[in-house]
Amino acid sequence: MDQLKKICNVKVWLIILAVIHTVVGVLLQTDPDVDAQLEISGVFLAISAYLLYAAFGTSGQEQARWATVLCGPIWVWFVVCGALELEGVGNNSWSLSAELIPPLVVWGMTALSGILHWNMDDAAPAAEA
């Protein structure tokens, strides 16, 4: 369990996710001539700002809980969209396929890291006693 907690460093996963989310979700996907894509890019940038706030503006238990609350529901939403095979904006379509694996892994690992460290500040005094 200790090795898993080391791999699931909350801050590291939040930063990785924020960078990937910004580069792949905004910079590589945006066509400034399409209003719908600009709107989606704005939402993506707002989510990246929340992720970066959680990474650099919080620490410890608070950071773990932010990671869980921000990333867990989005991971579930990816699964729901894939299971329902929803049509996205533009050429995007959802299905439970190999191309859904990277976002599921990154969002899932960030949420898992938050879950694993959810009560980290509460557990520390008990271990010292």
C-alpha atoms as a PDB file:
ATOM      1  CA  MET A   1       0.000   0.000   0.000  1.00  0.00           C
ATOM      2  CA  ASP A   2       2.888   2.375   0.717  1.00  0.00           C
ATOM      3  CA  GLN A   3       4.296   1.814  -2.778  1.00  0.00           C
ATOM      4  CA  LEU A   4       0.885   2.578  -4.310  1.00  0.00           C
ATOM      5  CA  LYS A   5       0.651   5.806  -2.286  1.00  0.00           C
ATOM      6  CA  LYS A   6       4.082   6.851  -3.594  1.00  0.00           C
ATOM      7  CA  ILE A   7       2.977   6.244  -7.193  1.00  0.00           C
ATOM      8  CA  CYS A   8      -0.256   8.118  -6.513  1.00  0.00           C
ATOM      9  CA  ASN A   9       1.299  11.439  -5.531  1.00  0.00           C
ATOM     10  CA  VAL A  10      -1.669  13.803  -5.648  1.00  0.00           C
ATOM     11  CA  LYS A  11       0.241  16.947  -6.655  1.00  0.00           C
ATOM     12  CA  VAL A  12       2.130  15.173  -9.454  1.00  0.00           C
ATOM     13  CA  TRP A  13      -1.055  13.694 -10.929  1.00  0.00           C
ATOM     14  CA  LEU A  14      -2.861  17.037 -10.737  1.00  0.00           C
ATOM     15  CA  ILE A  15      -0.014  18.739 -12.622  1.00  0.00           C
ATOM     16  CA  ILE A  16       0.195  15.960 -15.234  1.00  0.00           C
ATOM     17  CA  LEU A  17      -3.551  16.129 -15.779  1.00  0.00           C
ATOM     18  CA  ALA A  18      -3.620  19.935 -15.993  1.00  0.00           C
ATOM     19  CA  VAL A  19      -0.826  19.998 -18.586  1.00  0.00           C
ATOM     20  CA  ILE A  20      -2.356  17.225 -20.712  1.00  0.00           C
ATOM     21  CA  HIS A  21      -5.823  18.757 -20.370  1.00  0.00           C
ATOM     22  CA  THR A  22      -4.556  22.153 -21.523  1.00  0.00           C
ATOM     23  CA  VAL A  23      -2.339  20.939 -24.367  1.00  0.00           C
ATOM     24  CA  VAL A  24      -4.557  18.187 -25.782  1.00  0.00           C
ATOM     25  CA  GLY A  25      -7.951  19.576 -24.842  1.00  0.00           C
ATOM     26  CA  VAL A  26      -7.376  23.214 -25.709  1.00  0.00           C
ATOM     27  CA  LEU A  27      -4.279  23.983 -27.754  1.00  0.00           C
ATOM     28  CA  LEU A  28      -4.402  21.042 -30.169  1.00  0.00           C
ATOM     29  CA  GLN A  29      -8.182  20.904 -30.610  1.00  0.00           C
ATOM     30  CA  THR A  30      -9.244  24.507 -30.970  1.00  0.00           C
ATOM     31  CA  ASP A  31     -10.257  25.994 -34.292  1.00  0.00           C
ATOM     32  CA  PRO A  32     -10.739  29.703 -33.516  1.00  0.00           C
ATOM     33  CA  ASP A  33     -13.188  30.029 -36.418  1.00  0.00           C
ATOM     34  CA  VAL A  34     -15.687  27.642 -34.789  1.00  0.00           C
ATOM     35  CA  ASP A  35     -17.601  29.232 -31.913  1.00  0.00           C
ATOM     36  CA  ALA A  36     -18.571  25.890 -30.355  1.00  0.00           C
ATOM     37  CA  GLN A  37     -14.913  24.883 -30.102  1.00  0.00           C
ATOM     38  CA  LEU A  38     -14.002  28.223 -28.515  1.00  0.00           C
ATOM     39  CA  GLU A  39     -16.752  27.739 -25.935  1.00  0.00           C
ATOM     40  CA  ILE A  40     -15.540  24.238 -25.102  1.00  0.00           C
ATOM     41  CA  SER A  41     -11.940  25.469 -24.925  1.00  0.00           C
ATOM     42  CA  GLY A  42     -12.991  28.079 -22.385  1.00  0.00           C
ATOM     43  CA  VAL A  43     -14.528  25.402 -20.184  1.00  0.00           C
ATOM     44  CA  PHE A  44     -11.427  23.233 -20.596  1.00  0.00           C
ATOM     45  CA  LEU A  45      -9.215  26.147 -19.537  1.00  0.00           C
ATOM     46  CA  ALA A  46     -11.405  26.774 -16.485  1.00  0.00           C
ATOM     47  CA  ILE A  47     -11.059  23.109 -15.488  1.00  0.00           C
ATOM     48  CA  SER A  48      -7.289  23.358 -15.948  1.00  0.00           C
ATOM     49  CA  ALA A  49      -7.276  26.410 -13.660  1.00  0.00           C
ATOM     50  CA  TYR A  50      -9.148  24.413 -10.983  1.00  0.00           C
ATOM     51  CA  LEU A  51      -6.653  21.564 -11.325  1.00  0.00           C
ATOM     52  CA  LEU A  52      -3.683  23.927 -11.025  1.00  0.00           C
ATOM     53  CA  TYR A  53      -5.269  25.606  -8.005  1.00  0.00           C
ATOM     54  CA  ALA A  54      -5.662  22.208  -6.359  1.00  0.00           C
ATOM     55  CA  ALA A  55      -2.021  21.379  -7.179  1.00  0.00           C
ATOM     56  CA  PHE A  56      -0.409  24.634  -6.055  1.00  0.00           C
ATOM     57  CA  GLY A  57      -2.962  26.352  -3.809  1.00  0.00           C
ATOM     58  CA  THR A  58      -3.670  23.437  -1.484  1.00  0.00           C
ATOM     59  CA  SER A  59      -1.774  20.643   0.224  1.00  0.00           C
ATOM     60  CA  GLY A  60      -2.270  17.512   2.255  1.00  0.00           C
ATOM     61  CA  GLN A  61      -5.776  16.324   2.957  1.00  0.00           C
ATOM     62  CA  GLU A  62      -7.353  19.363   1.309  1.00  0.00           C
ATOM     63  CA  GLN A  63      -5.442  18.700  -1.922  1.00  0.00           C
ATOM     64  CA  ALA A  64      -6.413  15.021  -1.896  1.00  0.00           C
ATOM     65  CA  ARG A  65     -10.072  15.871  -1.457  1.00  0.00           C
ATOM     66  CA  TRP A  66      -9.967  18.477  -4.242  1.00  0.00           C
ATOM     67  CA  ALA A  67      -8.411  15.876  -6.568  1.00  0.00           C
ATOM     68  CA  THR A  68     -11.107  13.362  -5.725  1.00  0.00           C
ATOM     69  CA  VAL A  69     -14.005  15.795  -6.056  1.00  0.00           C
ATOM     70  CA  LEU A  70     -12.742  17.323  -9.319  1.00  0.00           C
ATOM     71  CA  CYS A  71     -11.563  14.169 -11.075  1.00  0.00           C
ATOM     72  CA  GLY A  72     -13.828  11.379  -9.842  1.00  0.00           C
ATOM     73  CA  PRO A  73     -17.044  12.722 -11.399  1.00  0.00           C
ATOM     74  CA  ILE A  74     -15.296  13.454 -14.705  1.00  0.00           C
ATOM     75  CA  TRP A  75     -13.955   9.885 -14.818  1.00  0.00           C
ATOM     76  CA  VAL A  76     -17.484   8.591 -14.221  1.00  0.00           C
ATOM     77  CA  TRP A  77     -18.793  10.920 -16.953  1.00  0.00           C
ATOM     78  CA  PHE A  78     -16.263   9.496 -19.445  1.00  0.00           C
ATOM     79  CA  VAL A  79     -17.516   5.987 -18.659  1.00  0.00           C
ATOM     80  CA  VAL A  80     -21.175   7.046 -18.972  1.00  0.00           C
ATOM     81  CA  CYS A  81     -20.554   8.851 -22.305  1.00  0.00           C
ATOM     82  CA  GLY A  82     -18.680   5.828 -23.636  1.00  0.00           C
ATOM     83  CA  ALA A  83     -21.325   3.371 -22.493  1.00  0.00           C
ATOM     84  CA  LEU A  84     -24.110   5.461 -24.049  1.00  0.00           C
ATOM     85  CA  GLU A  85     -22.023   6.101 -27.196  1.00  0.00           C
ATOM     86  CA  LEU A  86     -22.941   9.777 -27.209  1.00  0.00           C
ATOM     87  CA  GLU A  87     -22.164  12.019 -30.150  1.00  0.00           C
ATOM     88  CA  GLY A  88     -19.880  14.906 -29.304  1.00  0.00           C
ATOM     89  CA  VAL A  89     -19.329  18.294 -30.880  1.00  0.00           C
ATOM     90  CA  GLY A  90     -17.742  18.210 -34.331  1.00  0.00           C
ATOM     91  CA  ASN A  91     -16.183  14.888 -35.254  1.00  0.00           C
ATOM     92  CA  ASN A  92     -16.037  13.634 -31.681  1.00  0.00           C
ATOM     93  CA  SER A  93     -17.978  10.547 -30.754  1.00  0.00           C
ATOM     94  CA  TRP A  94     -17.903   8.485 -27.619  1.00  0.00           C
ATOM     95  CA  SER A  95     -17.576   4.729 -27.342  1.00  0.00           C
ATOM     96  CA  LEU A  96     -15.875   2.348 -24.973  1.00  0.00           C
ATOM     97  CA  SER A  97     -12.832   1.916 -27.187  1.00  0.00           C
ATOM     98  CA  ALA A  98      -9.050   2.136 -27.022  1.00  0.00           C
ATOM     99  CA  GLU A  99      -9.057   5.889 -27.643  1.00  0.00           C
ATOM    100  CA  LEU A 100     -10.942   6.398 -24.369  1.00  0.00           C
ATOM    101  CA  ILE A 101      -8.196   4.652 -22.359  1.00  0.00           C
ATOM    102  CA  PRO A 102      -5.743   7.613 -22.026  1.00  0.00           C
ATOM    103  CA  PRO A 103      -8.267  10.042 -20.489  1.00  0.00           C
ATOM    104  CA  LEU A 104      -9.667   7.280 -18.263  1.00  0.00           C
ATOM    105  CA  VAL A 105      -6.166   6.489 -16.990  1.00  0.00           C
ATOM    106  CA  VAL A 106      -5.110  10.086 -16.328  1.00  0.00           C
ATOM    107  CA  TRP A 107      -8.392  11.213 -14.746  1.00  0.00           C
ATOM    108  CA  GLY A 108      -8.696   7.903 -12.893  1.00  0.00           C
ATOM    109  CA  MET A 109      -5.174   7.984 -11.452  1.00  0.00           C
ATOM    110  CA  THR A 110      -5.681  11.551 -10.264  1.00  0.00           C
ATOM    111  CA  ALA A 111      -8.979  10.616  -8.590  1.00  0.00           C
ATOM    112  CA  LEU A 112      -7.440   7.436  -7.132  1.00  0.00           C
ATOM    113  CA  SER A 113      -4.523   9.406  -5.706  1.00  0.00           C
ATOM    114  CA  GLY A 114      -7.005  11.704  -3.985  1.00  0.00           C
ATOM    115  CA  ILE A 115      -8.979   8.759  -2.602  1.00  0.00           C
ATOM    116  CA  LEU A 116      -5.834   7.072  -1.270  1.00  0.00           C
ATOM    117  CA  HIS A 117      -4.759  10.265   0.525  1.00  0.00           C
ATOM    118  CA  TRP A 118      -8.278  11.386   1.546  1.00  0.00           C
ATOM    119  CA  ASN A 119      -7.654  11.020   5.305  1.00  0.00           C
ATOM    120  CA  MET A 120      -3.888  11.491   5.294  1.00  0.00           C
ATOM    121  CA  ASP A 121      -3.839  14.277   7.922  1.00  0.00           C
ATOM    122  CA  ASP A 122      -6.158  12.324  10.223  1.00  0.00           C
ATOM    123  CA  ALA A 123      -4.007   9.180  10.012  1.00  0.00           C
ATOM    124  CA  ALA A 124      -0.698  10.895  10.871  1.00  0.00           C
ATOM    125  CA  PRO A 125      -1.400  11.652  14.569  1.00  0.00           C
ATOM    126  CA  ALA A 126      -2.806   8.144  15.140  1.00  0.00           C
ATOM    127  CA  ALA A 127       0.410   6.582  13.813  1.00  0.00           C
ATOM    128  CA  GLU A 128       2.563   8.730  16.135  1.00  0.00           C
ATOM    129  CA  ALA A 129       0.593   7.871  19.282  1.00  0.00           C
END
